[in-house]
Amino acid sequence: MTELHYITHRANLASIVRLGILSHRRVTSLPHRSIADEEVQDRRRNKRVPNGLLIHEYANAYFDARNPMMYKRLDQRRELAVISIMPGILDLPGTVISDGNAASDGTLFSASPEGLTMLDEQRVYAEWWTDGDGMEKWERKRQRCAEVLVPDRIAPEYIRGCYVFNSEALPACRAAGLKAAVNKRVFFD
């Protein structure tokens, strides 16, 4: 693993570079452009990590942004950016790893970095999560969205740069002071 990912609207980049990637609870008091799925946020709102905080009290990152969340936002991909995050966040105190989407039933949580051992690497980094069996497809989709949960925020010093869908979006990253690259794969192109 060389990096982790955070999906956001490009309008949030300057704030992220200044403040870091904030927990849902912290960011709600700031002006920002949300790309969150409200149905998923409703499930996350009152869910607590075992022996930990509420999910909304963690800043979250994916192992790979080419996942069901990104797929759901394909119509917005020209406005999105994927923040590249250093894997050093795995060693921050209180960091937790989920073996799938943190909002999903059946997701397991474990302290980081030990929690890496519970991940199914082939499914976390799978190109697709489809399957003819509905339950198996749901499970693959859940695992594809495995997360790293960092209490409160991911500080700016852990941010490497950002990926965008096309060259027209590069100036937004650069204006925020980020190294930028086009990465069509992460945006399903």
C-alpha atoms as a PDB file:
ATOM      1  CA  MET A   1       0.000   0.000   0.000  1.00  0.00           C
ATOM      2  CA  THR A   2       1.481   3.295  -1.084  1.00  0.00           C
ATOM      3  CA  GLU A   3      -1.447   5.618  -0.430  1.00  0.00           C
ATOM      4  CA  LEU A   4      -5.002   5.966   0.837  1.00  0.00           C
ATOM      5  CA  HIS A   5      -7.787   8.028  -0.739  1.00  0.00           C
ATOM      6  CA  TYR A   6     -10.411  10.590   0.181  1.00  0.00           C
ATOM      7  CA  ILE A   7     -13.108  11.593  -2.332  1.00  0.00           C
ATOM      8  CA  THR A   8     -14.253  15.214  -2.243  1.00  0.00           C
ATOM      9  CA  HIS A   9     -15.664  18.051  -4.310  1.00  0.00           C
ATOM     10  CA  ARG A  10     -12.924  20.241  -5.809  1.00  0.00           C
ATOM     11  CA  ALA A  11     -14.452  23.279  -4.082  1.00  0.00           C
ATOM     12  CA  ASN A  12     -13.229  21.828  -0.749  1.00  0.00           C
ATOM     13  CA  LEU A  13      -9.560  21.531  -1.689  1.00  0.00           C
ATOM     14  CA  ALA A  14      -8.300  24.847  -0.271  1.00  0.00           C
ATOM     15  CA  SER A  15      -9.986  24.161   3.066  1.00  0.00           C
ATOM     16  CA  ILE A  16      -8.602  20.620   3.168  1.00  0.00           C
ATOM     17  CA  VAL A  17      -5.068  21.844   2.499  1.00  0.00           C
ATOM     18  CA  ARG A  18      -5.438  24.387   5.323  1.00  0.00           C
ATOM     19  CA  LEU A  19      -7.343  22.323   7.940  1.00  0.00           C
ATOM     20  CA  GLY A  20      -6.895  18.717   6.876  1.00  0.00           C
ATOM     21  CA  ILE A  21      -9.582  16.136   6.206  1.00  0.00           C
ATOM     22  CA  LEU A  22     -12.070  16.671   8.999  1.00  0.00           C
ATOM     23  CA  SER A  23     -14.534  14.298  10.618  1.00  0.00           C
ATOM     24  CA  HIS A  24     -18.139  14.625   9.491  1.00  0.00           C
ATOM     25  CA  ARG A  25     -19.023  16.154  12.853  1.00  0.00           C
ATOM     26  CA  ARG A  26     -16.351  18.879  12.521  1.00  0.00           C
ATOM     27  CA  VAL A  27     -16.948  19.705   8.882  1.00  0.00           C
ATOM     28  CA  THR A  28     -20.687  20.316   9.294  1.00  0.00           C
ATOM     29  CA  SER A  29     -19.958  23.652  10.987  1.00  0.00           C
ATOM     30  CA  LEU A  30     -17.861  24.847   8.016  1.00  0.00           C
ATOM     31  CA  PRO A  31     -18.919  25.919   4.538  1.00  0.00           C
ATOM     32  CA  HIS A  32     -18.258  23.006   2.173  1.00  0.00           C
ATOM     33  CA  ARG A  33     -19.673  21.103  -0.804  1.00  0.00           C
ATOM     34  CA  SER A  34     -20.877  17.713   0.342  1.00  0.00           C
ATOM     35  CA  ILE A  35     -20.910  14.725  -1.991  1.00  0.00           C
ATOM     36  CA  ALA A  36     -22.150  12.417   0.759  1.00  0.00           C
ATOM     37  CA  ASP A  37     -25.029  10.020   0.272  1.00  0.00           C
ATOM     38  CA  GLU A  38     -27.524  11.151   2.905  1.00  0.00           C
ATOM     39  CA  GLU A  39     -28.992   7.668   3.297  1.00  0.00           C
ATOM     40  CA  VAL A  40     -25.536   6.319   4.159  1.00  0.00           C
ATOM     41  CA  GLN A  41     -24.861   9.296   6.446  1.00  0.00           C
ATOM     42  CA  ASP A  42     -28.068   8.551   8.340  1.00  0.00           C
ATOM     43  CA  ARG A  43     -26.752   5.035   9.038  1.00  0.00           C
ATOM     44  CA  ARG A  44     -23.336   6.372  10.080  1.00  0.00           C
ATOM     45  CA  ARG A  45     -24.702   9.157  12.302  1.00  0.00           C
ATOM     46  CA  ASN A  46     -25.438   7.054  15.404  1.00  0.00           C
ATOM     47  CA  LYS A  47     -23.185   4.075  14.743  1.00  0.00           C
ATOM     48  CA  ARG A  48     -20.335   3.676  17.191  1.00  0.00           C
ATOM     49  CA  VAL A  49     -17.074   1.873  16.509  1.00  0.00           C
ATOM     50  CA  PRO A  50     -16.789  -0.853  19.188  1.00  0.00           C
ATOM     51  CA  ASN A  51     -14.733   0.584  22.073  1.00  0.00           C
ATOM     52  CA  GLY A  52     -14.406   3.797  20.086  1.00  0.00           C
ATOM     53  CA  LEU A  53     -16.122   6.942  18.873  1.00  0.00           C
ATOM     54  CA  LEU A  54     -19.176   7.516  16.725  1.00  0.00           C
ATOM     55  CA  ILE A  55     -18.268   7.056  13.057  1.00  0.00           C
ATOM     56  CA  HIS A  56     -18.993  10.758  12.428  1.00  0.00           C
ATOM     57  CA  GLU A  57     -16.219  11.624  14.907  1.00  0.00           C
ATOM     58  CA  TYR A  58     -13.595  10.085  12.617  1.00  0.00           C
ATOM     59  CA  ALA A  59     -12.087  11.400   9.390  1.00  0.00           C
ATOM     60  CA  ASN A  60     -12.302   8.562   6.917  1.00  0.00           C
ATOM     61  CA  ALA A  61     -10.212   7.379   3.991  1.00  0.00           C
ATOM     62  CA  TYR A  62     -10.587   4.535   1.517  1.00  0.00           C
ATOM     63  CA  PHE A  63      -7.887   2.115   0.506  1.00  0.00           C
ATOM     64  CA  ASP A  64      -8.874   2.802  -3.117  1.00  0.00           C
ATOM     65  CA  ALA A  65     -11.311   5.457  -4.349  1.00  0.00           C
ATOM     66  CA  ARG A  66     -12.280   3.359  -7.384  1.00  0.00           C
ATOM     67  CA  ASN A  67     -15.155   1.933  -5.403  1.00  0.00           C
ATOM     68  CA  PRO A  68     -18.972   1.928  -5.160  1.00  0.00           C
ATOM     69  CA  MET A  69     -19.003   5.458  -3.687  1.00  0.00           C
ATOM     70  CA  MET A  70     -17.135   6.838  -6.714  1.00  0.00           C
ATOM     71  CA  TYR A  71     -19.286   4.783  -9.061  1.00  0.00           C
ATOM     72  CA  LYS A  72     -22.394   6.336  -7.504  1.00  0.00           C
ATOM     73  CA  ARG A  73     -20.960   9.805  -8.227  1.00  0.00           C
ATOM     74  CA  LEU A  74     -19.887   9.237 -11.852  1.00  0.00           C
ATOM     75  CA  ASP A  75     -22.196  12.033 -12.984  1.00  0.00           C
ATOM     76  CA  GLN A  76     -20.123  14.427 -10.826  1.00  0.00           C
ATOM     77  CA  ARG A  77     -16.657  13.144 -11.675  1.00  0.00           C
ATOM     78  CA  ARG A  78     -15.635  16.346 -13.476  1.00  0.00           C
ATOM     79  CA  GLU A  79     -16.137  18.235 -10.169  1.00  0.00           C
ATOM     80  CA  LEU A  80     -14.498  15.664  -7.903  1.00  0.00           C
ATOM     81  CA  ALA A  81     -10.955  15.185  -6.662  1.00  0.00           C
ATOM     82  CA  VAL A  82      -9.365  12.232  -4.940  1.00  0.00           C
ATOM     83  CA  ILE A  83      -6.927  13.250  -2.223  1.00  0.00           C
ATOM     84  CA  SER A  84      -3.865  11.017  -1.972  1.00  0.00           C
ATOM     85  CA  ILE A  85      -2.997  10.379   1.681  1.00  0.00           C
ATOM     86  CA  MET A  86       0.226   8.978   3.131  1.00  0.00           C
ATOM     87  CA  PRO A  87      -0.170   5.549   4.740  1.00  0.00           C
ATOM     88  CA  GLY A  88       1.481   6.948   7.879  1.00  0.00           C
ATOM     89  CA  ILE A  89      -2.027   7.740   9.136  1.00  0.00           C
ATOM     90  CA  LEU A  90      -2.319   4.045   9.951  1.00  0.00           C
ATOM     91  CA  ASP A  91       0.023   4.631  12.900  1.00  0.00           C
ATOM     92  CA  LEU A  92      -1.855   7.583  14.418  1.00  0.00           C
ATOM     93  CA  PRO A  93      -3.255   6.971  17.935  1.00  0.00           C
ATOM     94  CA  GLY A  94      -6.860   5.793  17.952  1.00  0.00           C
ATOM     95  CA  THR A  95      -6.939   4.954  14.230  1.00  0.00           C
ATOM     96  CA  VAL A  96      -9.292   2.120  13.328  1.00  0.00           C
ATOM     97  CA  ILE A  97      -9.632  -0.048  10.235  1.00  0.00           C
ATOM     98  CA  SER A  98     -12.986  -1.347   9.027  1.00  0.00           C
ATOM     99  CA  ASP A  99     -13.124  -4.467   6.839  1.00  0.00           C
ATOM    100  CA  GLY A 100     -15.848  -2.838   4.728  1.00  0.00           C
ATOM    101  CA  ASN A 101     -18.011   0.238   4.575  1.00  0.00           C
ATOM    102  CA  ALA A 102     -18.236   1.466   8.170  1.00  0.00           C
ATOM    103  CA  ALA A 103     -21.992   2.058   7.867  1.00  0.00           C
ATOM    104  CA  SER A 104     -22.768  -1.485   6.724  1.00  0.00           C
ATOM    105  CA  ASP A 105     -24.134  -4.198   8.965  1.00  0.00           C
ATOM    106  CA  GLY A 106     -21.596  -6.939   9.518  1.00  0.00           C
ATOM    107  CA  THR A 107     -18.563  -4.665   9.177  1.00  0.00           C
ATOM    108  CA  LEU A 108     -15.761  -5.473  11.602  1.00  0.00           C
ATOM    109  CA  PHE A 109     -13.506  -2.850  13.196  1.00  0.00           C
ATOM    110  CA  SER A 110      -9.996  -3.268  14.559  1.00  0.00           C
ATOM    111  CA  ALA A 111      -7.213  -1.039  15.813  1.00  0.00           C
ATOM    112  CA  SER A 112      -4.702   0.045  13.204  1.00  0.00           C
ATOM    113  CA  PRO A 113      -2.307  -1.162  11.938  1.00  0.00           C
ATOM    114  CA  GLU A 114      -3.150  -4.649  13.256  1.00  0.00           C
ATOM    115  CA  GLY A 115      -6.551  -4.402  11.543  1.00  0.00           C
ATOM    116  CA  LEU A 116      -4.892  -4.684   8.152  1.00  0.00           C
ATOM    117  CA  THR A 117      -4.716  -8.453   8.702  1.00  0.00           C
ATOM    118  CA  MET A 118      -8.515  -8.761   8.639  1.00  0.00           C
ATOM    119  CA  LEU A 119      -8.812  -7.251   5.147  1.00  0.00           C
ATOM    120  CA  ASP A 120      -9.373  -9.356   2.062  1.00  0.00           C
ATOM    121  CA  GLU A 121      -6.833  -7.558  -0.128  1.00  0.00           C
ATOM    122  CA  GLN A 122      -8.179  -9.063  -3.362  1.00  0.00           C
ATOM    123  CA  ARG A 123     -11.649  -7.677  -2.608  1.00  0.00           C
ATOM    124  CA  VAL A 124     -10.479  -4.325  -1.228  1.00  0.00           C
ATOM    125  CA  TYR A 125      -8.556  -3.660  -4.459  1.00  0.00           C
ATOM    126  CA  ALA A 126     -10.826  -5.589  -6.857  1.00  0.00           C
ATOM    127  CA  GLU A 127     -11.483  -3.910 -10.183  1.00  0.00           C
ATOM    128  CA  TRP A 128     -15.213  -4.728  -9.823  1.00  0.00           C
ATOM    129  CA  TRP A 129     -17.470  -6.013  -7.071  1.00  0.00           C
ATOM    130  CA  THR A 130     -20.188  -7.529  -9.267  1.00  0.00           C
ATOM    131  CA  ASP A 131     -21.463 -11.079  -8.857  1.00  0.00           C
ATOM    132  CA  GLY A 132     -24.506 -13.020 -10.079  1.00  0.00           C
ATOM    133  CA  ASP A 133     -25.519 -13.805  -6.497  1.00  0.00           C
ATOM    134  CA  GLY A 134     -27.131 -10.763  -4.837  1.00  0.00           C
ATOM    135  CA  MET A 135     -25.779 -11.481  -1.361  1.00  0.00           C
ATOM    136  CA  GLU A 136     -22.279 -12.092  -2.682  1.00  0.00           C
ATOM    137  CA  LYS A 137     -22.421  -8.839  -4.684  1.00  0.00           C
ATOM    138  CA  TRP A 138     -23.484  -6.944  -1.527  1.00  0.00           C
ATOM    139  CA  GLU A 139     -20.592  -8.480   0.418  1.00  0.00           C
ATOM    140  CA  ARG A 140     -18.039  -7.639  -2.285  1.00  0.00           C
ATOM    141  CA  LYS A 141     -19.380  -4.088  -2.498  1.00  0.00           C
ATOM    142  CA  ARG A 142     -19.161  -3.718   1.288  1.00  0.00           C
ATOM    143  CA  GLN A 143     -15.572  -5.002   1.371  1.00  0.00           C
ATOM    144  CA  ARG A 144     -14.530  -2.807  -1.576  1.00  0.00           C
ATOM    145  CA  CYS A 145     -15.321   0.209   0.642  1.00  0.00           C
ATOM    146  CA  ALA A 146     -13.028  -0.774   3.540  1.00  0.00           C
ATOM    147  CA  GLU A 147     -11.994   2.329   5.469  1.00  0.00           C
ATOM    148  CA  VAL A 148      -9.345   3.852   7.677  1.00  0.00           C
ATOM    149  CA  LEU A 149     -10.938   5.924  10.447  1.00  0.00           C
ATOM    150  CA  VAL A 150      -8.771   8.587  12.111  1.00  0.00           C
ATOM    151  CA  PRO A 151     -10.107  10.391  15.188  1.00  0.00           C
ATOM    152  CA  ASP A 152     -11.159  13.987  14.447  1.00  0.00           C
ATOM    153  CA  ARG A 153      -9.025  14.769  11.393  1.00  0.00           C
ATOM    154  CA  ILE A 154      -6.285  13.749   9.023  1.00  0.00           C
ATOM    155  CA  ALA A 155      -3.733  16.548   9.308  1.00  0.00           C
ATOM    156  CA  PRO A 156      -2.591  18.387   6.150  1.00  0.00           C
ATOM    157  CA  GLU A 157       0.949  17.025   6.424  1.00  0.00           C
ATOM    158  CA  TYR A 158      -0.386  13.566   5.458  1.00  0.00           C
ATOM    159  CA  ILE A 159      -1.769  14.854   2.148  1.00  0.00           C
ATOM    160  CA  ARG A 160       0.387  14.038  -0.894  1.00  0.00           C
ATOM    161  CA  GLY A 161      -1.661  15.509  -3.720  1.00  0.00           C
ATOM    162  CA  CYS A 162      -4.797  14.861  -5.707  1.00  0.00           C
ATOM    163  CA  TYR A 163      -6.147  13.023  -8.707  1.00  0.00           C
ATOM    164  CA  VAL A 164      -8.741  14.390 -11.081  1.00  0.00           C
ATOM    165  CA  PHE A 165     -10.735  13.055 -14.007  1.00  0.00           C
ATOM    166  CA  ASN A 166      -9.271  15.247 -16.753  1.00  0.00           C
ATOM    167  CA  SER A 167      -6.723  17.976 -17.444  1.00  0.00           C
ATOM    168  CA  GLU A 168      -9.360  20.732 -17.154  1.00  0.00           C
ATOM    169  CA  ALA A 169      -9.566  19.941 -13.427  1.00  0.00           C
ATOM    170  CA  LEU A 170      -5.809  20.109 -12.752  1.00  0.00           C
ATOM    171  CA  PRO A 171      -5.767  23.890 -12.044  1.00  0.00           C
ATOM    172  CA  ALA A 172      -8.172  23.471  -9.098  1.00  0.00           C
ATOM    173  CA  CYS A 173      -5.720  21.145  -7.338  1.00  0.00           C
ATOM    174  CA  ARG A 174      -2.727  23.284  -8.181  1.00  0.00           C
ATOM    175  CA  ALA A 175      -4.509  26.468  -6.998  1.00  0.00           C
ATOM    176  CA  ALA A 176      -4.946  24.760  -3.616  1.00  0.00           C
ATOM    177  CA  GLY A 177      -1.213  24.041  -3.539  1.00  0.00           C
ATOM    178  CA  LEU A 178      -1.475  20.323  -4.298  1.00  0.00           C
ATOM    179  CA  LYS A 179       0.492  18.190  -6.713  1.00  0.00           C
ATOM    180  CA  ALA A 180      -2.053  17.010  -9.242  1.00  0.00           C
ATOM    181  CA  ALA A 181      -2.380  14.234 -11.795  1.00  0.00           C
ATOM    182  CA  VAL A 182      -5.076  12.904 -14.091  1.00  0.00           C
ATOM    183  CA  ASN A 183      -6.064   9.381 -13.055  1.00  0.00           C
ATOM    184  CA  LYS A 184      -8.861   8.139 -15.299  1.00  0.00           C
ATOM    185  CA  ARG A 185      -8.832   4.651 -13.745  1.00  0.00           C
ATOM    186  CA  VAL A 186     -10.061   5.873 -10.344  1.00  0.00           C
ATOM    187  CA  PHE A 187     -12.921   7.694 -12.115  1.00  0.00           C
ATOM    188  CA  PHE A 188     -13.994   4.583 -14.114  1.00  0.00           C
ATOM    189  CA  ASP A 189     -12.806   5.846 -17.484  1.00  0.00           C
END
